[in-house]
Amino acid sequence: MSVTIGIPFLNARRYLEDAVRSVFAQTHGDWELLLIDDGSTDGSVAVVRHLDDPRVRVLSDGSNRGLCARLNQIASLAQGTYLARMDADDLMHPERIERQLKFLRANPNVDLIDTAIFTVDDELEPLGIRGDRPLDSRPGAVLRNGLLIHPTVMGRAEWFRNNPYDPVYVRAEDRELWSRTCATANFARLSEPLFFYREGLTGNLRDYLRSERTVRDIVRRYGPPLVGGRQTRVLVMRSRLKSIAYRIGTTLGLQGWLIRRRNRPLNAAQIREGRRILSAIRNTPVAGLDRVPPTPSAQRLPQQGGPA
């Protein structure tokens, strides 16, 4: 088994079919799919139990333990040499696993690799591209901006087992992991968008402010040894100013603009290509899914963090 694809989910019935079809659409077929439930009550588990493929494992213990615990559980159960993660309401480009696996095999010194993403709306209409610029893995940049686009990350399963997520840092668990390991790990990026990240144009102010509070905790913990006390204070203040700006933007009804400005616009050819790929994914046959009743239109799941 070369690759384990891990999807944790909580009340994701509306989205799981698209995510699963994107797994079955992969050009690389030597994978296992781990679907880990975190206490869903919306019938999500029943949907994925329809899947009729020996490469799929569904685990549900009925409890709500949180994202970090489930990500660590996926790493502990992974049978593949490599582990690729994704969220339950996103879709992978058909070549994602093949391309990332090829890079990691050719570059054994690299611990983790991510990819650029297409952002898409609730109806899977392409909105923009993010993460197509080179990685900046300097400690100050990691603390300031994060590093990897979390849902697109792939690396050796053993690396994830040796570097577990810390459940203390809810909604910024990825930034804590990058901050903790950036001095010793090697990271890389494929600048071509090989992932479709479903992004609504309205955000939850409370969740955003909670994320920024967690970011400040991370900066206070890792900043002094990585960038020194003065730069740590600057980064904490920067996070506070971002929270104030987001609060003001929300009051003025500018959430959609604040979200869109993180993306690079698409040209007409990129939009057509994104639509073509998404259509192919959604028409990928998957044994068992045809027996699942249709669900309402998708909306973005509540987040614990998000792409950098």
C-alpha atoms as a PDB file:
ATOM      1  CA  MET A   1       0.000   0.000   0.000  1.00  0.00           C
ATOM      2  CA  SER A   2       1.677   3.212  -1.112  1.00  0.00           C
ATOM      3  CA  VAL A   3      -0.712   5.948   0.073  1.00  0.00           C
ATOM      4  CA  THR A   4      -3.325   6.345   2.789  1.00  0.00           C
ATOM      5  CA  ILE A   5      -5.858   9.099   2.111  1.00  0.00           C
ATOM      6  CA  GLY A   6      -7.401  10.265   5.382  1.00  0.00           C
ATOM      7  CA  ILE A   7     -10.692  12.157   5.632  1.00  0.00           C
ATOM      8  CA  PRO A   8     -12.046  13.063   9.079  1.00  0.00           C
ATOM      9  CA  PHE A   9     -15.678  14.145   9.011  1.00  0.00           C
ATOM     10  CA  LEU A  10     -18.390  15.559  11.244  1.00  0.00           C
ATOM     11  CA  ASN A  11     -21.950  15.999   9.925  1.00  0.00           C
ATOM     12  CA  ALA A  12     -20.674  16.158   6.348  1.00  0.00           C
ATOM     13  CA  ARG A  13     -23.433  14.231   4.577  1.00  0.00           C
ATOM     14  CA  ARG A  14     -23.884  16.960   1.944  1.00  0.00           C
ATOM     15  CA  TYR A  15     -20.250  16.903   0.916  1.00  0.00           C
ATOM     16  CA  LEU A  16     -18.828  13.432   1.326  1.00  0.00           C
ATOM     17  CA  GLU A  17     -19.976  12.088  -2.025  1.00  0.00           C
ATOM     18  CA  ASP A  18     -17.962  14.687  -3.956  1.00  0.00           C
ATOM     19  CA  ALA A  19     -14.905  14.156  -1.749  1.00  0.00           C
ATOM     20  CA  VAL A  20     -15.070  10.381  -2.136  1.00  0.00           C
ATOM     21  CA  ARG A  21     -15.575  10.565  -5.909  1.00  0.00           C
ATOM     22  CA  SER A  22     -12.431  12.688  -6.132  1.00  0.00           C
ATOM     23  CA  VAL A  23     -10.516   9.881  -4.408  1.00  0.00           C
ATOM     24  CA  PHE A  24     -11.836   7.290  -6.856  1.00  0.00           C
ATOM     25  CA  ALA A  25     -10.978   9.633  -9.751  1.00  0.00           C
ATOM     26  CA  GLN A  26      -7.258   9.545  -8.904  1.00  0.00           C
ATOM     27  CA  THR A  27      -4.867   8.442 -11.639  1.00  0.00           C
ATOM     28  CA  HIS A  28      -2.849   6.630  -8.947  1.00  0.00           C
ATOM     29  CA  GLY A  29      -4.872   3.657  -7.757  1.00  0.00           C
ATOM     30  CA  ASP A  30      -2.696   2.084  -5.045  1.00  0.00           C
ATOM     31  CA  TRP A  31      -4.353   3.776  -2.089  1.00  0.00           C
ATOM     32  CA  GLU A  32      -6.509   3.112   0.926  1.00  0.00           C
ATOM     33  CA  LEU A  33      -9.183   5.547   2.064  1.00  0.00           C
ATOM     34  CA  LEU A  34      -9.671   6.071   5.796  1.00  0.00           C
ATOM     35  CA  LEU A  35     -12.970   7.781   6.637  1.00  0.00           C
ATOM     36  CA  ILE A  36     -13.000   8.701  10.337  1.00  0.00           C
ATOM     37  CA  ASP A  37     -16.257   9.923  11.868  1.00  0.00           C
ATOM     38  CA  ASP A  38     -16.154  12.395  14.769  1.00  0.00           C
ATOM     39  CA  GLY A  39     -19.632  11.837  16.152  1.00  0.00           C
ATOM     40  CA  SER A  40     -21.878  12.719  13.202  1.00  0.00           C
ATOM     41  CA  THR A  41     -25.642  12.796  13.696  1.00  0.00           C
ATOM     42  CA  ASP A  42     -26.734  13.651  10.131  1.00  0.00           C
ATOM     43  CA  GLY A  43     -26.441  10.260   8.471  1.00  0.00           C
ATOM     44  CA  SER A  44     -22.884  10.791   7.220  1.00  0.00           C
ATOM     45  CA  VAL A  45     -21.769   7.387   8.441  1.00  0.00           C
ATOM     46  CA  ALA A  46     -24.616   5.647   6.633  1.00  0.00           C
ATOM     47  CA  VAL A  47     -23.570   7.337   3.383  1.00  0.00           C
ATOM     48  CA  VAL A  48     -19.977   6.104   3.478  1.00  0.00           C
ATOM     49  CA  ARG A  49     -20.939   2.635   4.687  1.00  0.00           C
ATOM     50  CA  HIS A  50     -22.573   2.179   1.275  1.00  0.00           C
ATOM     51  CA  LEU A  51     -19.113   2.207  -0.308  1.00  0.00           C
ATOM     52  CA  ASP A  52     -18.307  -1.180  -1.777  1.00  0.00           C
ATOM     53  CA  ASP A  53     -14.542  -1.257  -2.248  1.00  0.00           C
ATOM     54  CA  PRO A  54     -11.937  -3.168  -0.211  1.00  0.00           C
ATOM     55  CA  ARG A  55      -9.648  -0.125  -0.214  1.00  0.00           C
ATOM     56  CA  VAL A  56     -12.104   1.821   1.974  1.00  0.00           C
ATOM     57  CA  ARG A  57     -12.206   1.699   5.763  1.00  0.00           C
ATOM     58  CA  VAL A  58     -14.902   3.516   7.757  1.00  0.00           C
ATOM     59  CA  LEU A  59     -14.440   4.012  11.485  1.00  0.00           C
ATOM     60  CA  SER A  60     -17.048   5.470  13.837  1.00  0.00           C
ATOM     61  CA  ASP A  61     -16.891   5.220  17.617  1.00  0.00           C
ATOM     62  CA  GLY A  62     -19.812   7.607  18.212  1.00  0.00           C
ATOM     63  CA  SER A  63     -17.741  10.162  20.123  1.00  0.00           C
ATOM     64  CA  ASN A  64     -16.793  13.759  19.340  1.00  0.00           C
ATOM     65  CA  ARG A  65     -13.056  14.040  20.029  1.00  0.00           C
ATOM     66  CA  GLY A  66     -12.120  16.947  17.771  1.00  0.00           C
ATOM     67  CA  LEU A  67     -10.107  17.364  14.594  1.00  0.00           C
ATOM     68  CA  CYS A  68      -6.624  16.990  16.102  1.00  0.00           C
ATOM     69  CA  ALA A  69      -7.511  13.686  17.740  1.00  0.00           C
ATOM     70  CA  ARG A  70      -8.943  12.361  14.485  1.00  0.00           C
ATOM     71  CA  LEU A  71      -5.942  13.471  12.426  1.00  0.00           C
ATOM     72  CA  ASN A  72      -3.645  11.715  14.884  1.00  0.00           C
ATOM     73  CA  GLN A  73      -5.901   8.650  14.747  1.00  0.00           C
ATOM     74  CA  ILE A  74      -5.630   8.588  10.960  1.00  0.00           C
ATOM     75  CA  ALA A  75      -1.829   8.649  11.205  1.00  0.00           C
ATOM     76  CA  SER A  76      -1.822   5.821  13.740  1.00  0.00           C
ATOM     77  CA  LEU A  77      -4.074   3.638  11.570  1.00  0.00           C
ATOM     78  CA  ALA A  78      -2.511   4.432   8.192  1.00  0.00           C
ATOM     79  CA  GLN A  79      -1.183   1.373   6.391  1.00  0.00           C
ATOM     80  CA  GLY A  80       0.346   3.323   3.507  1.00  0.00           C
ATOM     81  CA  THR A  81       3.942   4.480   3.403  1.00  0.00           C
ATOM     82  CA  TYR A  82       2.661   7.981   2.654  1.00  0.00           C
ATOM     83  CA  LEU A  83      -0.301   9.845   4.123  1.00  0.00           C
ATOM     84  CA  ALA A  84      -2.380  12.409   2.239  1.00  0.00           C
ATOM     85  CA  ARG A  85      -5.046  14.375   4.045  1.00  0.00           C
ATOM     86  CA  MET A  86      -8.080  16.279   2.876  1.00  0.00           C
ATOM     87  CA  ASP A  87     -11.267  17.697   4.344  1.00  0.00           C
ATOM     88  CA  ALA A  88     -14.710  16.224   3.832  1.00  0.00           C
ATOM     89  CA  ASP A  89     -16.073  19.096   1.739  1.00  0.00           C
ATOM     90  CA  ASP A  90     -13.126  19.475  -0.647  1.00  0.00           C
ATOM     91  CA  LEU A  91     -12.138  17.641  -3.818  1.00  0.00           C
ATOM     92  CA  MET A  92      -8.791  16.466  -5.151  1.00  0.00           C
ATOM     93  CA  HIS A  93      -7.607  17.027  -8.704  1.00  0.00           C
ATOM     94  CA  PRO A  94      -7.326  13.572 -10.337  1.00  0.00           C
ATOM     95  CA  GLU A  95      -3.523  13.879 -10.521  1.00  0.00           C
ATOM     96  CA  ARG A  96      -2.957  15.087  -6.965  1.00  0.00           C
ATOM     97  CA  ILE A  97      -1.783  11.803  -5.443  1.00  0.00           C
ATOM     98  CA  GLU A  98       0.271  10.765  -8.477  1.00  0.00           C
ATOM     99  CA  ARG A  99       2.083  14.093  -8.667  1.00  0.00           C
ATOM    100  CA  GLN A 100       2.802  14.456  -4.944  1.00  0.00           C
ATOM    101  CA  LEU A 101       3.902  10.838  -4.644  1.00  0.00           C
ATOM    102  CA  LYS A 102       6.270  11.190  -7.607  1.00  0.00           C
ATOM    103  CA  PHE A 103       7.859  14.279  -6.024  1.00  0.00           C
ATOM    104  CA  LEU A 104       8.291  12.680  -2.597  1.00  0.00           C
ATOM    105  CA  ARG A 105       9.854   9.550  -4.059  1.00  0.00           C
ATOM    106  CA  ALA A 106      12.258  11.656  -6.122  1.00  0.00           C
ATOM    107  CA  ASN A 107      13.110  13.899  -3.148  1.00  0.00           C
ATOM    108  CA  PRO A 108      13.435  11.679  -0.046  1.00  0.00           C
ATOM    109  CA  ASN A 109      14.809  14.599   1.970  1.00  0.00           C
ATOM    110  CA  VAL A 110      11.409  16.365   1.785  1.00  0.00           C
ATOM    111  CA  ASP A 111       9.098  15.619   4.704  1.00  0.00           C
ATOM    112  CA  LEU A 112       5.863  17.271   3.554  1.00  0.00           C
ATOM    113  CA  ILE A 113       4.549  18.682   0.302  1.00  0.00           C
ATOM    114  CA  ASP A 114       1.428  20.701  -0.424  1.00  0.00           C
ATOM    115  CA  THR A 115      -0.111  22.067  -3.616  1.00  0.00           C
ATOM    116  CA  ALA A 116      -1.744  25.241  -4.812  1.00  0.00           C
ATOM    117  CA  ILE A 117      -5.544  25.226  -4.746  1.00  0.00           C
ATOM    118  CA  PHE A 118      -8.510  26.292  -6.773  1.00  0.00           C
ATOM    119  CA  THR A 119     -10.990  27.974  -4.454  1.00  0.00           C
ATOM    120  CA  VAL A 120     -14.580  27.206  -5.435  1.00  0.00           C
ATOM    121  CA  ASP A 121     -17.965  28.422  -4.239  1.00  0.00           C
ATOM    122  CA  ASP A 122     -20.781  26.367  -2.732  1.00  0.00           C
ATOM    123  CA  GLU A 123     -21.826  25.173  -6.187  1.00  0.00           C
ATOM    124  CA  LEU A 124     -18.225  24.272  -7.117  1.00  0.00           C
ATOM    125  CA  GLU A 125     -17.785  27.227  -9.450  1.00  0.00           C
ATOM    126  CA  PRO A 126     -14.075  28.189  -9.615  1.00  0.00           C
ATOM    127  CA  LEU A 127     -13.310  31.487  -7.831  1.00  0.00           C
ATOM    128  CA  GLY A 128      -9.545  31.872  -7.787  1.00  0.00           C
ATOM    129  CA  ILE A 129      -6.140  30.335  -7.151  1.00  0.00           C
ATOM    130  CA  ARG A 130      -4.178  30.400  -3.926  1.00  0.00           C
ATOM    131  CA  GLY A 131      -0.772  29.080  -2.977  1.00  0.00           C
ATOM    132  CA  ASP A 132       0.847  29.218  -6.413  1.00  0.00           C
ATOM    133  CA  ARG A 133       3.808  31.218  -5.150  1.00  0.00           C
ATOM    134  CA  PRO A 134       6.997  29.633  -3.750  1.00  0.00           C
ATOM    135  CA  LEU A 135       7.028  28.622  -0.105  1.00  0.00           C
ATOM    136  CA  ASP A 136       8.622  30.982   2.379  1.00  0.00           C
ATOM    137  CA  SER A 137       9.788  28.670   5.150  1.00  0.00           C
ATOM    138  CA  ARG A 138      11.738  31.251   7.148  1.00  0.00           C
ATOM    139  CA  PRO A 139      10.606  31.045  10.790  1.00  0.00           C
ATOM    140  CA  GLY A 140       9.233  34.589  10.805  1.00  0.00           C
ATOM    141  CA  ALA A 141       7.140  33.897   7.715  1.00  0.00           C
ATOM    142  CA  VAL A 142       5.843  30.637   9.182  1.00  0.00           C
ATOM    143  CA  LEU A 143       4.756  32.398  12.371  1.00  0.00           C
ATOM    144  CA  ARG A 144       3.240  35.288  10.427  1.00  0.00           C
ATOM    145  CA  ASN A 145       1.437  33.513   7.604  1.00  0.00           C
ATOM    146  CA  GLY A 146       1.489  29.816   8.297  1.00  0.00           C
ATOM    147  CA  LEU A 147       3.231  27.709   5.685  1.00  0.00           C
ATOM    148  CA  LEU A 148       1.532  24.797   3.962  1.00  0.00           C
ATOM    149  CA  ILE A 149      -2.068  24.647   2.733  1.00  0.00           C
ATOM    150  CA  HIS A 150      -3.227  22.142   5.291  1.00  0.00           C
ATOM    151  CA  PRO A 151      -5.881  20.103   3.415  1.00  0.00           C
ATOM    152  CA  THR A 152      -3.419  19.452   0.557  1.00  0.00           C
ATOM    153  CA  VAL A 153      -0.533  18.119   2.642  1.00  0.00           C
ATOM    154  CA  MET A 154       1.087  14.769   1.925  1.00  0.00           C
ATOM    155  CA  GLY A 155       4.109  13.157   3.561  1.00  0.00           C
ATOM    156  CA  ARG A 156       5.388   9.954   5.044  1.00  0.00           C
ATOM    157  CA  ALA A 157       2.949   8.483   7.520  1.00  0.00           C
ATOM    158  CA  GLU A 158       5.806   7.953   9.962  1.00  0.00           C
ATOM    159  CA  TRP A 159       6.489  11.707   9.974  1.00  0.00           C
ATOM    160  CA  PHE A 160       2.922  12.393  11.098  1.00  0.00           C
ATOM    161  CA  ARG A 161       3.181   9.724  13.782  1.00  0.00           C
ATOM    162  CA  ASN A 162       6.411  11.285  15.063  1.00  0.00           C
ATOM    163  CA  ASN A 163       4.955  14.814  14.945  1.00  0.00           C
ATOM    164  CA  PRO A 164       1.353  14.616  16.176  1.00  0.00           C
ATOM    165  CA  TYR A 165      -1.085  17.506  16.187  1.00  0.00           C
ATOM    166  CA  ASP A 166      -1.474  19.290  19.520  1.00  0.00           C
ATOM    167  CA  PRO A 167      -5.171  19.536  20.525  1.00  0.00           C
ATOM    168  CA  VAL A 168      -4.443  22.623  22.626  1.00  0.00           C
ATOM    169  CA  TYR A 169      -4.246  24.729  19.452  1.00  0.00           C
ATOM    170  CA  VAL A 170      -7.763  24.327  18.096  1.00  0.00           C
ATOM    171  CA  ARG A 171      -8.426  26.134  14.783  1.00  0.00           C
ATOM    172  CA  ALA A 172      -4.704  26.676  14.185  1.00  0.00           C
ATOM    173  CA  GLU A 173      -3.361  23.172  14.754  1.00  0.00           C
ATOM    174  CA  ASP A 174      -1.606  23.225  11.398  1.00  0.00           C
ATOM    175  CA  ARG A 175       0.282  26.461  12.098  1.00  0.00           C
ATOM    176  CA  GLU A 176       1.391  25.087  15.456  1.00  0.00           C
ATOM    177  CA  LEU A 177       2.722  21.966  13.750  1.00  0.00           C
ATOM    178  CA  TRP A 178       4.628  23.942  11.113  1.00  0.00           C
ATOM    179  CA  SER A 179       6.013  26.303  13.777  1.00  0.00           C
ATOM    180  CA  ARG A 180       7.116  23.384  15.930  1.00  0.00           C
ATOM    181  CA  THR A 181       8.884  21.554  13.103  1.00  0.00           C
ATOM    182  CA  CYS A 182      10.103  24.265  10.693  1.00  0.00           C
ATOM    183  CA  ALA A 183      13.608  24.316  12.166  1.00  0.00           C
ATOM    184  CA  THR A 184      14.182  20.625  11.440  1.00  0.00           C
ATOM    185  CA  ALA A 185      11.753  19.553   8.685  1.00  0.00           C
ATOM    186  CA  ASN A 186      11.930  20.089   4.934  1.00  0.00           C
ATOM    187  CA  PHE A 187       8.815  21.333   3.146  1.00  0.00           C
ATOM    188  CA  ALA A 188       7.989  21.692  -0.546  1.00  0.00           C
ATOM    189  CA  ARG A 189       5.140  22.811  -2.787  1.00  0.00           C
ATOM    190  CA  LEU A 190       3.701  21.953  -6.178  1.00  0.00           C
ATOM    191  CA  SER A 191       2.649  25.326  -7.554  1.00  0.00           C
ATOM    192  CA  GLU A 192       0.001  23.881  -9.865  1.00  0.00           C
ATOM    193  CA  PRO A 193      -3.506  23.806  -8.301  1.00  0.00           C
ATOM    194  CA  LEU A 194      -4.234  20.132  -7.615  1.00  0.00           C
ATOM    195  CA  PHE A 195      -7.033  20.634  -5.102  1.00  0.00           C
ATOM    196  CA  PHE A 196     -10.471  22.257  -5.001  1.00  0.00           C
ATOM    197  CA  TYR A 197     -11.151  24.066  -1.719  1.00  0.00           C
ATOM    198  CA  ARG A 198     -14.790  24.903  -1.113  1.00  0.00           C
ATOM    199  CA  GLU A 199     -14.903  28.445   0.257  1.00  0.00           C
ATOM    200  CA  GLY A 200     -18.060  30.364   1.053  1.00  0.00           C
ATOM    201  CA  LEU A 201     -18.014  34.137   0.796  1.00  0.00           C
ATOM    202  CA  THR A 202     -19.300  34.655   4.317  1.00  0.00           C
ATOM    203  CA  GLY A 203     -17.178  33.897   7.340  1.00  0.00           C
ATOM    204  CA  ASN A 204     -17.912  33.294  10.989  1.00  0.00           C
ATOM    205  CA  LEU A 205     -16.531  36.210  12.990  1.00  0.00           C
ATOM    206  CA  ARG A 206     -16.406  34.259  16.228  1.00  0.00           C
ATOM    207  CA  ASP A 207     -14.419  31.437  14.594  1.00  0.00           C
ATOM    208  CA  TYR A 208     -12.007  33.884  12.958  1.00  0.00           C
ATOM    209  CA  LEU A 209     -11.331  35.700  16.222  1.00  0.00           C
ATOM    210  CA  ARG A 210     -10.842  32.397  17.997  1.00  0.00           C
ATOM    211  CA  SER A 211      -8.339  31.342  15.331  1.00  0.00           C
ATOM    212  CA  GLU A 212      -6.357  34.558  15.737  1.00  0.00           C
ATOM    213  CA  ARG A 213      -6.273  34.145  19.525  1.00  0.00           C
ATOM    214  CA  THR A 214      -4.790  30.698  18.982  1.00  0.00           C
ATOM    215  CA  VAL A 215      -2.290  32.129  16.487  1.00  0.00           C
ATOM    216  CA  ARG A 216      -1.129  34.602  19.146  1.00  0.00           C
ATOM    217  CA  ASP A 217      -0.655  31.739  21.597  1.00  0.00           C
ATOM    218  CA  ILE A 218       1.489  29.948  19.009  1.00  0.00           C
ATOM    219  CA  VAL A 219       3.571  33.068  18.340  1.00  0.00           C
ATOM    220  CA  ARG A 220       4.149  33.606  22.065  1.00  0.00           C
ATOM    221  CA  ARG A 221       5.287  30.000  22.478  1.00  0.00           C
ATOM    222  CA  TYR A 222       7.539  29.611  19.441  1.00  0.00           C
ATOM    223  CA  GLY A 223       8.403  33.199  18.578  1.00  0.00           C
ATOM    224  CA  PRO A 224      11.134  33.940  21.146  1.00  0.00           C
ATOM    225  CA  PRO A 225      13.429  31.028  20.175  1.00  0.00           C
ATOM    226  CA  LEU A 226      12.698  31.364  16.447  1.00  0.00           C
ATOM    227  CA  VAL A 227      12.711  35.135  15.838  1.00  0.00           C
ATOM    228  CA  GLY A 228      13.470  36.812  19.171  1.00  0.00           C
ATOM    229  CA  GLY A 229      11.377  38.773  21.632  1.00  0.00           C
ATOM    230  CA  ARG A 230      11.026  41.989  19.632  1.00  0.00           C
ATOM    231  CA  GLN A 231       9.757  40.297  16.468  1.00  0.00           C
ATOM    232  CA  THR A 232       7.455  38.144  18.585  1.00  0.00           C
ATOM    233  CA  ARG A 233       5.787  41.259  19.974  1.00  0.00           C
ATOM    234  CA  VAL A 234       5.434  42.650  16.439  1.00  0.00           C
ATOM    235  CA  LEU A 235       3.738  39.455  15.261  1.00  0.00           C
ATOM    236  CA  VAL A 236       1.354  39.433  18.221  1.00  0.00           C
ATOM    237  CA  MET A 237       0.381  43.036  17.501  1.00  0.00           C
ATOM    238  CA  ARG A 238      -0.092  42.203  13.816  1.00  0.00           C
ATOM    239  CA  SER A 239      -2.540  39.449  14.751  1.00  0.00           C
ATOM    240  CA  ARG A 240      -4.467  41.824  17.008  1.00  0.00           C
ATOM    241  CA  LEU A 241      -4.731  44.372  14.184  1.00  0.00           C
ATOM    242  CA  LYS A 242      -5.978  41.674  11.804  1.00  0.00           C
ATOM    243  CA  SER A 243      -8.716  40.802  14.287  1.00  0.00           C
ATOM    244  CA  ILE A 244      -9.750  44.444  14.574  1.00  0.00           C
ATOM    245  CA  ALA A 245      -9.786  44.836  10.782  1.00  0.00           C
ATOM    246  CA  TYR A 246     -11.868  41.694  10.315  1.00  0.00           C
ATOM    247  CA  ARG A 247     -14.327  42.806  12.973  1.00  0.00           C
ATOM    248  CA  ILE A 248     -14.724  46.180  11.230  1.00  0.00           C
ATOM    249  CA  GLY A 249     -15.023  44.511   7.817  1.00  0.00           C
ATOM    250  CA  THR A 250     -17.728  42.207   9.116  1.00  0.00           C
ATOM    251  CA  THR A 251     -19.658  45.144  10.551  1.00  0.00           C
ATOM    252  CA  LEU A 252     -19.460  46.880   7.153  1.00  0.00           C
ATOM    253  CA  GLY A 253     -20.550  43.770   5.266  1.00  0.00           C
ATOM    254  CA  LEU A 254     -17.170  43.288   3.587  1.00  0.00           C
ATOM    255  CA  GLN A 255     -16.566  39.645   4.516  1.00  0.00           C
ATOM    256  CA  GLY A 256     -16.855  38.474   0.912  1.00  0.00           C
ATOM    257  CA  TRP A 257     -14.277  41.015  -0.220  1.00  0.00           C
ATOM    258  CA  LEU A 258     -11.900  40.081   2.607  1.00  0.00           C
ATOM    259  CA  ILE A 259     -12.116  36.431   1.589  1.00  0.00           C
ATOM    260  CA  ARG A 260     -11.791  37.021  -2.165  1.00  0.00           C
ATOM    261  CA  ARG A 261      -8.696  39.212  -1.803  1.00  0.00           C
ATOM    262  CA  ARG A 262      -6.714  36.181  -0.621  1.00  0.00           C
ATOM    263  CA  ASN A 263      -7.091  34.617  -4.086  1.00  0.00           C
ATOM    264  CA  ARG A 264      -5.421  35.345  -7.392  1.00  0.00           C
ATOM    265  CA  PRO A 265      -8.071  35.792 -10.118  1.00  0.00           C
ATOM    266  CA  LEU A 266      -8.582  33.117 -12.762  1.00  0.00           C
ATOM    267  CA  ASN A 267      -8.470  33.686 -16.490  1.00  0.00           C
ATOM    268  CA  ALA A 268     -11.108  32.246 -18.818  1.00  0.00           C
ATOM    269  CA  ALA A 269      -9.016  29.208 -19.743  1.00  0.00           C
ATOM    270  CA  GLN A 270      -8.417  28.327 -16.079  1.00  0.00           C
ATOM    271  CA  ILE A 271     -12.128  28.610 -15.309  1.00  0.00           C
ATOM    272  CA  ARG A 272     -12.979  26.284 -18.205  1.00  0.00           C
ATOM    273  CA  GLU A 273     -10.333  23.790 -17.125  1.00  0.00           C
ATOM    274  CA  GLY A 274     -11.527  23.862 -13.520  1.00  0.00           C
ATOM    275  CA  ARG A 275     -15.112  23.248 -14.595  1.00  0.00           C
ATOM    276  CA  ARG A 276     -14.043  20.391 -16.864  1.00  0.00           C
ATOM    277  CA  ILE A 277     -12.105  18.641 -14.114  1.00  0.00           C
ATOM    278  CA  LEU A 278     -14.876  19.083 -11.552  1.00  0.00           C
ATOM    279  CA  SER A 279     -17.442  17.683 -13.981  1.00  0.00           C
ATOM    280  CA  ALA A 280     -15.256  14.637 -14.601  1.00  0.00           C
ATOM    281  CA  ILE A 281     -14.827  14.067 -10.860  1.00  0.00           C
ATOM    282  CA  ARG A 282     -18.544  14.309 -10.140  1.00  0.00           C
ATOM    283  CA  ASN A 283     -19.257  11.771 -12.887  1.00  0.00           C
ATOM    284  CA  THR A 284     -16.743   9.234 -11.593  1.00  0.00           C
ATOM    285  CA  PRO A 285     -18.529   5.947 -10.840  1.00  0.00           C
ATOM    286  CA  VAL A 286     -18.144   4.674  -7.275  1.00  0.00           C
ATOM    287  CA  ALA A 287     -19.570   1.318  -6.254  1.00  0.00           C
ATOM    288  CA  GLY A 288     -22.231   1.851  -3.603  1.00  0.00           C
ATOM    289  CA  LEU A 289     -22.670   5.618  -3.891  1.00  0.00           C
ATOM    290  CA  ASP A 290     -25.433   5.293  -6.473  1.00  0.00           C
ATOM    291  CA  ARG A 291     -27.602   3.807  -3.726  1.00  0.00           C
ATOM    292  CA  VAL A 292     -27.241   6.923  -1.558  1.00  0.00           C
ATOM    293  CA  PRO A 293     -30.254   9.315  -1.648  1.00  0.00           C
ATOM    294  CA  PRO A 294     -29.445  12.811  -3.005  1.00  0.00           C
ATOM    295  CA  THR A 295     -28.679  15.549  -0.496  1.00  0.00           C
ATOM    296  CA  PRO A 296     -29.315  19.329  -0.531  1.00  0.00           C
ATOM    297  CA  SER A 297     -26.869  21.818  -2.056  1.00  0.00           C
ATOM    298  CA  ALA A 298     -23.503  21.990  -0.350  1.00  0.00           C
ATOM    299  CA  GLN A 299     -22.260  24.717   1.934  1.00  0.00           C
ATOM    300  CA  ARG A 300     -18.853  25.103   3.491  1.00  0.00           C
ATOM    301  CA  LEU A 301     -18.408  23.095   6.678  1.00  0.00           C
ATOM    302  CA  PRO A 302     -17.521  24.932   9.881  1.00  0.00           C
ATOM    303  CA  GLN A 303     -13.738  25.160   9.953  1.00  0.00           C
ATOM    304  CA  GLN A 304     -10.996  24.381  12.405  1.00  0.00           C
ATOM    305  CA  GLY A 305      -8.470  26.557  10.666  1.00  0.00           C
ATOM    306  CA  GLY A 306      -8.283  26.812   6.877  1.00  0.00           C
ATOM    307  CA  PRO A 307      -5.832  27.053   4.058  1.00  0.00           C
ATOM    308  CA  ALA A 308      -2.902  29.365   4.495  1.00  0.00           C
END
